[in-house]
Amino acid sequence: MIDKISMSLPKDRLPATLALHLEAIRNGAASIRVHDVAEHVQAIKIQQALDAT
């Protein structure tokens, strides 16, 4: 999916993956499967802080 929107190598897709996962959470996803846990935790915390303001 990401490559159809923004051509890239798999190793370069973390930013797009984070964006998709944040949108999934915003739309009610109860869980997401990730490999880059620390990066996802950081992104989710930042999104939660932005949503709280």
C-alpha atoms as a PDB file:
ATOM      1  CA  MET A   1       0.000   0.000   0.000  1.00  0.00           C
ATOM      2  CA  ILE A   2       2.672   2.510   0.985  1.00  0.00           C
ATOM      3  CA  ASP A   3       4.660   1.905  -2.192  1.00  0.00           C
ATOM      4  CA  LYS A   4       1.607   2.678  -4.317  1.00  0.00           C
ATOM      5  CA  ILE A   5       1.286   6.089  -2.644  1.00  0.00           C
ATOM      6  CA  SER A   6       4.968   6.927  -2.192  1.00  0.00           C
ATOM      7  CA  MET A   7       7.485   4.732  -3.968  1.00  0.00           C
ATOM      8  CA  SER A   8      10.120   3.604  -1.495  1.00  0.00           C
ATOM      9  CA  LEU A   9      12.127   0.659  -0.336  1.00  0.00           C
ATOM     10  CA  PRO A  10      10.739  -1.334   2.601  1.00  0.00           C
ATOM     11  CA  LYS A  11      13.593  -0.141   4.832  1.00  0.00           C
ATOM     12  CA  ASP A  12      12.510   3.479   4.235  1.00  0.00           C
ATOM     13  CA  ARG A  13       8.823   3.106   5.089  1.00  0.00           C
ATOM     14  CA  LEU A  14       8.771   3.611   8.861  1.00  0.00           C
ATOM     15  CA  PRO A  15       7.450   7.205   8.686  1.00  0.00           C
ATOM     16  CA  ALA A  16       4.566   6.151   6.447  1.00  0.00           C
ATOM     17  CA  THR A  17       3.873   3.115   8.617  1.00  0.00           C
ATOM     18  CA  LEU A  18       3.678   5.352  11.683  1.00  0.00           C
ATOM     19  CA  ALA A  19       1.249   7.668   9.888  1.00  0.00           C
ATOM     20  CA  LEU A  20      -0.980   4.771   8.871  1.00  0.00           C
ATOM     21  CA  HIS A  21      -0.932   3.259  12.344  1.00  0.00           C
ATOM     22  CA  LEU A  22      -1.741   6.589  14.016  1.00  0.00           C
ATOM     23  CA  GLU A  23      -4.701   6.975  11.669  1.00  0.00           C
ATOM     24  CA  ALA A  24      -5.835   3.424  12.455  1.00  0.00           C
ATOM     25  CA  ILE A  25      -5.728   4.217  16.175  1.00  0.00           C
ATOM     26  CA  ARG A  26      -7.591   7.472  15.598  1.00  0.00           C
ATOM     27  CA  ASN A  27     -10.280   5.470  13.797  1.00  0.00           C
ATOM     28  CA  GLY A  28     -10.732   3.059  16.684  1.00  0.00           C
ATOM     29  CA  ALA A  29      -8.182   0.282  16.186  1.00  0.00           C
ATOM     30  CA  ALA A  30      -7.847  -1.543  19.488  1.00  0.00           C
ATOM     31  CA  SER A  31      -4.431  -2.969  18.625  1.00  0.00           C
ATOM     32  CA  ILE A  32      -1.755  -2.763  15.979  1.00  0.00           C
ATOM     33  CA  ARG A  33       1.084  -5.172  15.201  1.00  0.00           C
ATOM     34  CA  VAL A  34       4.476  -3.481  15.052  1.00  0.00           C
ATOM     35  CA  HIS A  35       8.158  -4.321  14.812  1.00  0.00           C
ATOM     36  CA  ASP A  36       9.478  -0.877  15.771  1.00  0.00           C
ATOM     37  CA  VAL A  37       7.980  -0.703  19.240  1.00  0.00           C
ATOM     38  CA  ALA A  38       9.935   2.235  20.655  1.00  0.00           C
ATOM     39  CA  GLU A  39       9.198   4.386  17.619  1.00  0.00           C
ATOM     40  CA  HIS A  40       5.498   3.567  17.767  1.00  0.00           C
ATOM     41  CA  VAL A  41       5.270   4.263  21.503  1.00  0.00           C
ATOM     42  CA  GLN A  42       6.907   7.647  20.963  1.00  0.00           C
ATOM     43  CA  ALA A  43       4.625   8.536  18.050  1.00  0.00           C
ATOM     44  CA  ILE A  44       1.496   7.459  19.943  1.00  0.00           C
ATOM     45  CA  LYS A  45       2.488   9.508  23.010  1.00  0.00           C
ATOM     46  CA  ILE A  46       3.089  12.584  20.860  1.00  0.00           C
ATOM     47  CA  GLN A  47      -0.257  12.118  19.096  1.00  0.00           C
ATOM     48  CA  GLN A  48      -2.045  11.734  22.426  1.00  0.00           C
ATOM     49  CA  ALA A  49      -0.415  14.934  23.695  1.00  0.00           C
ATOM     50  CA  LEU A  50      -1.432  16.817  20.549  1.00  0.00           C
ATOM     51  CA  ASP A  51      -4.992  15.523  20.835  1.00  0.00           C
ATOM     52  CA  ALA A  52      -5.181  16.660  24.463  1.00  0.00           C
ATOM     53  CA  THR A  53      -4.453  20.297  23.624  1.00  0.00           C
END
